[in-house]
C-alpha atoms as a PDB file:
ATOM      1  CA  MET A   1      -3.818   3.749  18.403  1.00  0.00           C
ATOM      2  CA  ALA A   2      -1.962   1.871  21.141  1.00  0.00           C
ATOM      3  CA  VAL A   3      -3.664  -0.333  23.710  1.00  0.00           C
ATOM      4  CA  THR A   4      -2.732  -0.153  27.380  1.00  0.00           C
ATOM      5  CA  THR A   5      -2.691  -3.414  29.305  1.00  0.00           C
ATOM      6  CA  MET A   6      -1.813  -4.279  32.889  1.00  0.00           C
ATOM      7  CA  SER A   7       0.851  -6.889  33.556  1.00  0.00           C
ATOM      8  CA  MET A   8       0.807  -9.362  36.440  1.00  0.00           C
ATOM      9  CA  ALA A   9       3.090  -7.035  38.411  1.00  0.00           C
ATOM     10  CA  GLY A  10       0.603  -4.185  38.002  1.00  0.00           C
ATOM     11  CA  MET A  11       2.770  -2.290  35.511  1.00  0.00           C
ATOM     12  CA  ALA A  12       1.034  -0.643  32.565  1.00  0.00           C
ATOM     13  CA  THR A  13       2.446  -1.646  29.193  1.00  0.00           C
ATOM     14  CA  MET A  14       1.695  -0.285  25.744  1.00  0.00           C
ATOM     15  CA  THR A  15       1.106  -2.645  22.839  1.00  0.00           C
ATOM     16  CA  ALA A  16       0.234  -1.911  19.243  1.00  0.00           C
ATOM     17  CA  PRO A  17      -3.167  -3.012  17.943  1.00  0.00           C
ATOM     18  CA  ALA A  18      -3.267  -6.116  15.763  1.00  0.00           C
ATOM     19  CA  SER A  19      -3.738  -4.060  12.586  1.00  0.00           C
ATOM     20  CA  ALA A  20      -0.394  -2.328  13.092  1.00  0.00           C
ATOM     21  CA  ALA A  21       1.433  -5.650  12.733  1.00  0.00           C
ATOM     22  CA  THR A  22       0.115  -6.083   9.189  1.00  0.00           C
ATOM     23  CA  ALA A  23       0.799  -2.509   8.089  1.00  0.00           C
ATOM     24  CA  GLY A  24       4.215  -3.244   6.611  1.00  0.00           C
ATOM     25  CA  CYS A  25       5.857  -5.436   4.038  1.00  0.00           C
ATOM     26  CA  LYS A  26       8.536  -8.062   4.537  1.00  0.00           C
ATOM     27  CA  GLY A  27      11.706  -8.295   2.491  1.00  0.00           C
ATOM     28  CA  THR A  28      14.111  -5.746   1.070  1.00  0.00           C
ATOM     29  CA  ARG A  29      12.817  -2.307   0.187  1.00  0.00           C
ATOM     30  CA  ILE A  30      13.705  -1.789  -3.456  1.00  0.00           C
ATOM     31  CA  ALA A  31      11.917   1.518  -4.048  1.00  0.00           C
ATOM     32  CA  LYS A  32      10.605   4.549  -2.180  1.00  0.00           C
ATOM     33  CA  VAL A  33       8.827   6.968  -4.513  1.00  0.00           C
ATOM     34  CA  PRO A  34       7.316  10.314  -3.439  1.00  0.00           C
ATOM     35  CA  VAL A  35       3.547  10.713  -3.807  1.00  0.00           C
ATOM     36  CA  LYS A  36       3.042  14.146  -5.301  1.00  0.00           C
ATOM     37  CA  GLY A  37       1.157  16.073  -7.926  1.00  0.00           C
ATOM     38  CA  GLY A  38      -2.056  17.948  -8.141  1.00  0.00           C
ATOM     39  CA  GLN A  39      -1.665  21.609  -9.006  1.00  0.00           C
ATOM     40  CA  THR A  40       1.320  22.050  -6.708  1.00  0.00           C
ATOM     41  CA  PRO A  41       4.643  20.209  -6.391  1.00  0.00           C
ATOM     42  CA  ALA A  42       3.618  19.193  -2.861  1.00  0.00           C
ATOM     43  CA  GLU A  43       4.803  15.800  -1.633  1.00  0.00           C
ATOM     44  CA  VAL A  44       2.142  14.248   0.622  1.00  0.00           C
ATOM     45  CA  GLY A  45       3.556  10.771   1.218  1.00  0.00           C
ATOM     46  CA  TYR A  46       5.445   7.929  -0.413  1.00  0.00           C
ATOM     47  CA  LEU A  47       5.017   4.595  -2.165  1.00  0.00           C
ATOM     48  CA  GLU A  48       7.203   1.737  -0.913  1.00  0.00           C
ATOM     49  CA  VAL A  49       7.970  -1.444  -2.862  1.00  0.00           C
ATOM     50  CA  TYR A  50       9.533  -4.519  -1.254  1.00  0.00           C
ATOM     51  CA  ALA A  51      10.791  -7.832  -2.641  1.00  0.00           C
ATOM     52  CA  ARG A  52      11.220 -11.121  -0.814  1.00  0.00           C
ATOM     53  CA  SER A  53      12.313 -13.833  -3.222  1.00  0.00           C
ATOM     54  CA  ARG A  54       9.588 -13.536  -5.928  1.00  0.00           C
ATOM     55  CA  MET A  55       6.969 -12.029  -3.600  1.00  0.00           C
ATOM     56  CA  MET A  56       6.383  -8.331  -4.230  1.00  0.00           C
ATOM     57  CA  CYS A  57       4.751  -6.087  -1.671  1.00  0.00           C
ATOM     58  CA  ALA A  58       3.760  -2.423  -1.812  1.00  0.00           C
ATOM     59  CA  ARG A  59       2.115   0.190   0.362  1.00  0.00           C
ATOM     60  CA  THR A  60       1.254   3.880   0.153  1.00  0.00           C
ATOM     61  CA  VAL A  61       1.991   5.988   3.245  1.00  0.00           C
ATOM     62  CA  ALA A  62       0.755   9.525   4.001  1.00  0.00           C
ATOM     63  CA  TYR A  63       3.072  11.911   5.853  1.00  0.00           C
ATOM     64  CA  ASN A  64       0.108  13.040   7.943  1.00  0.00           C
ATOM     65  CA  SER A  65      -3.593  12.343   8.108  1.00  0.00           C
ATOM     66  CA  LYS A  66      -4.752  15.971   7.984  1.00  0.00           C
ATOM     67  CA  GLY A  67      -7.059  16.373   4.995  1.00  0.00           C
ATOM     68  CA  THR A  68      -6.517  12.797   3.784  1.00  0.00           C
ATOM     69  CA  GLN A  69      -9.777  11.528   2.273  1.00  0.00           C
ATOM     70  CA  TRP A  70      -8.784   8.373   0.378  1.00  0.00           C
ATOM     71  CA  MET A  71      -5.717   6.216  -0.314  1.00  0.00           C
ATOM     72  CA  SER A  72      -4.835   3.340  -2.623  1.00  0.00           C
ATOM     73  CA  VAL A  73      -2.031   1.011  -3.634  1.00  0.00           C
ATOM     74  CA  ARG A  74      -2.283  -1.114  -6.812  1.00  0.00           C
ATOM     75  CA  LEU A  75       0.064  -3.839  -8.017  1.00  0.00           C
ATOM     76  CA  ASN A  76       0.350  -5.565 -11.408  1.00  0.00           C
ATOM     77  CA  ASP A  77       2.531  -8.692 -11.402  1.00  0.00           C
ATOM     78  CA  GLY A  78       3.697  -8.459 -15.019  1.00  0.00           C
ATOM     79  CA  LEU A  79       1.620 -11.356 -16.330  1.00  0.00           C
ATOM     80  CA  ASN A  80      -1.263 -10.727 -18.720  1.00  0.00           C
ATOM     81  CA  ASN A  81      -4.417 -11.411 -16.691  1.00  0.00           C
ATOM     82  CA  LYS A  82      -5.815 -13.540 -19.533  1.00  0.00           C
ATOM     83  CA  GLN A  83      -2.978 -15.986 -18.716  1.00  0.00           C
ATOM     84  CA  ASP A  84      -3.071 -15.419 -14.948  1.00  0.00           C
ATOM     85  CA  THR A  85      -5.122 -17.869 -12.885  1.00  0.00           C
ATOM     86  CA  CYS A  86      -4.757 -16.173  -9.531  1.00  0.00           C
ATOM     87  CA  CYS A  87      -4.666 -12.739  -8.111  1.00  0.00           C
ATOM     88  CA  GLY A  88      -2.709 -11.227  -5.256  1.00  0.00           C
ATOM     89  CA  THR A  89      -3.944  -9.945  -1.916  1.00  0.00           C
ATOM     90  CA  PRO A  90      -6.104  -8.049  -1.338  1.00  0.00           C
ATOM     91  CA  SER A  91      -8.027  -9.218  -4.379  1.00  0.00           C
ATOM     92  CA  PRO A  92      -9.008  -6.551  -6.898  1.00  0.00           C
ATOM     93  CA  THR A  93     -12.594  -5.910  -7.955  1.00  0.00           C
ATOM     94  CA  ASP A  94     -13.695  -7.395 -11.289  1.00  0.00           C
ATOM     95  CA  ALA A  95     -13.272  -3.990 -12.940  1.00  0.00           C
ATOM     96  CA  GLU A  96      -9.740  -3.557 -11.512  1.00  0.00           C
ATOM     97  CA  TRP A  97      -8.813  -7.111 -12.625  1.00  0.00           C
ATOM     98  CA  LYS A  98     -10.076  -6.434 -16.170  1.00  0.00           C
ATOM     99  CA  VAL A  99      -7.730  -3.439 -16.520  1.00  0.00           C
ATOM    100  CA  GLY A 100      -4.731  -5.413 -15.268  1.00  0.00           C
ATOM    101  CA  TRP A 101      -4.450  -4.957 -11.500  1.00  0.00           C
ATOM    102  CA  ASP A 102      -3.629  -8.106  -9.496  1.00  0.00           C
ATOM    103  CA  ALA A 103      -3.718  -6.712  -5.950  1.00  0.00           C
ATOM    104  CA  VAL A 104      -5.494  -3.547  -4.767  1.00  0.00           C
ATOM    105  CA  ASP A 105      -6.036  -1.987  -1.362  1.00  0.00           C
ATOM    106  CA  SER A 106      -8.030   1.241  -1.368  1.00  0.00           C
ATOM    107  CA  GLY A 107     -10.417   3.081   0.866  1.00  0.00           C
ATOM    108  CA  ARG A 108     -10.969   5.971   3.236  1.00  0.00           C
ATOM    109  CA  TYR A 109      -7.625   5.455   4.960  1.00  0.00           C
ATOM    110  CA  SER A 110      -5.800   8.284   6.703  1.00  0.00           C
ATOM    111  CA  SER A 111      -2.303   6.866   7.290  1.00  0.00           C
ATOM    112  CA  HIS A 112      -1.570   4.074   4.788  1.00  0.00           C
ATOM    113  CA  ALA A 113      -2.982   1.719   2.162  1.00  0.00           C
ATOM    114  CA  GLY A 114      -1.570  -1.764   1.842  1.00  0.00           C
ATOM    115  CA  PRO A 115       0.180  -4.005   1.907  1.00  0.00           C
ATOM    116  CA  ALA A 116      -0.730  -5.266  -1.560  1.00  0.00           C
ATOM    117  CA  MET A 117       1.125  -8.452  -2.498  1.00  0.00           C
ATOM    118  CA  ASP A 118       1.625 -10.780  -5.449  1.00  0.00           C
ATOM    119  CA  TYR A 119       4.376 -12.819  -7.114  1.00  0.00           C
ATOM    120  CA  ASP A 120       6.686 -11.166  -9.632  1.00  0.00           C
ATOM    121  CA  ASN A 121       5.937 -12.652 -13.068  1.00  0.00           C
ATOM    122  CA  GLY A 122       7.812 -10.171 -15.239  1.00  0.00           C
ATOM    123  CA  THR A 123       7.699  -6.400 -15.148  1.00  0.00           C
ATOM    124  CA  VAL A 124       5.943  -5.297 -11.969  1.00  0.00           C
ATOM    125  CA  ARG A 125       3.948  -2.030 -11.970  1.00  0.00           C
ATOM    126  CA  VAL A 126       2.872  -0.322  -8.761  1.00  0.00           C
ATOM    127  CA  HIS A 127       0.745   2.826  -8.369  1.00  0.00           C
ATOM    128  CA  GLY A 128       0.015   4.716  -5.169  1.00  0.00           C
ATOM    129  CA  TYR A 129      -2.651   7.386  -4.711  1.00  0.00           C
ATOM    130  CA  ILE A 130      -3.503   9.813  -1.920  1.00  0.00           C
ATOM    131  CA  LYS A 131      -6.465  12.192  -2.087  1.00  0.00           C
ATOM    132  CA  LYS A 132      -6.128  15.215   0.224  1.00  0.00           C
ATOM    133  CA  TYR A 133      -8.502  18.170   0.313  1.00  0.00           C
ATOM    134  CA  GLY A 134     -10.058  16.976  -2.966  1.00  0.00           C
ATOM    135  CA  ILE A 135      -6.738  16.836  -4.857  1.00  0.00           C
ATOM    136  CA  MET A 136      -5.370  13.510  -6.146  1.00  0.00           C
ATOM    137  CA  TYR A 137      -1.627  12.859  -5.684  1.00  0.00           C
ATOM    138  CA  THR A 138       0.136   9.920  -7.351  1.00  0.00           C
ATOM    139  CA  ALA A 139       3.307   7.827  -7.410  1.00  0.00           C
ATOM    140  CA  ARG A 140       4.280   5.171  -9.958  1.00  0.00           C
ATOM    141  CA  TRP A 141       7.017   2.564 -10.034  1.00  0.00           C
ATOM    142  CA  VAL A 142       7.981  -0.041 -12.634  1.00  0.00           C
ATOM    143  CA  GLY A 143      10.601  -2.681 -12.030  1.00  0.00           C
END
């Protein structure tokens, strides 16, 4: 949703809300994987993975919000969590941390989940999920 503001000259200008500025990832996009599955080969969005030096960033994006009930992006930095002293952002729940996820963003989003970020400490795994009309669609990337 854009916000309309009036300038000193009385001209209306459109600006994006603050949340839109944090919707993306910085760096070089190294993967774009379709989110698909369920009982049909339908593609409902995509998972993007970015790298900037050792910082990894990922987000899940829906092609449209119609029927979208829930979205998630999950990132594992490649380091066994028993040896890891810190997690990424947003922080995972205790249960997500125990099964190996370092950064998780999930919720009742309609357009995107993420960014989820952490440092690359080996083999990075990223999963994206979109639930539409009660059907779960997934994307996975390992690099």
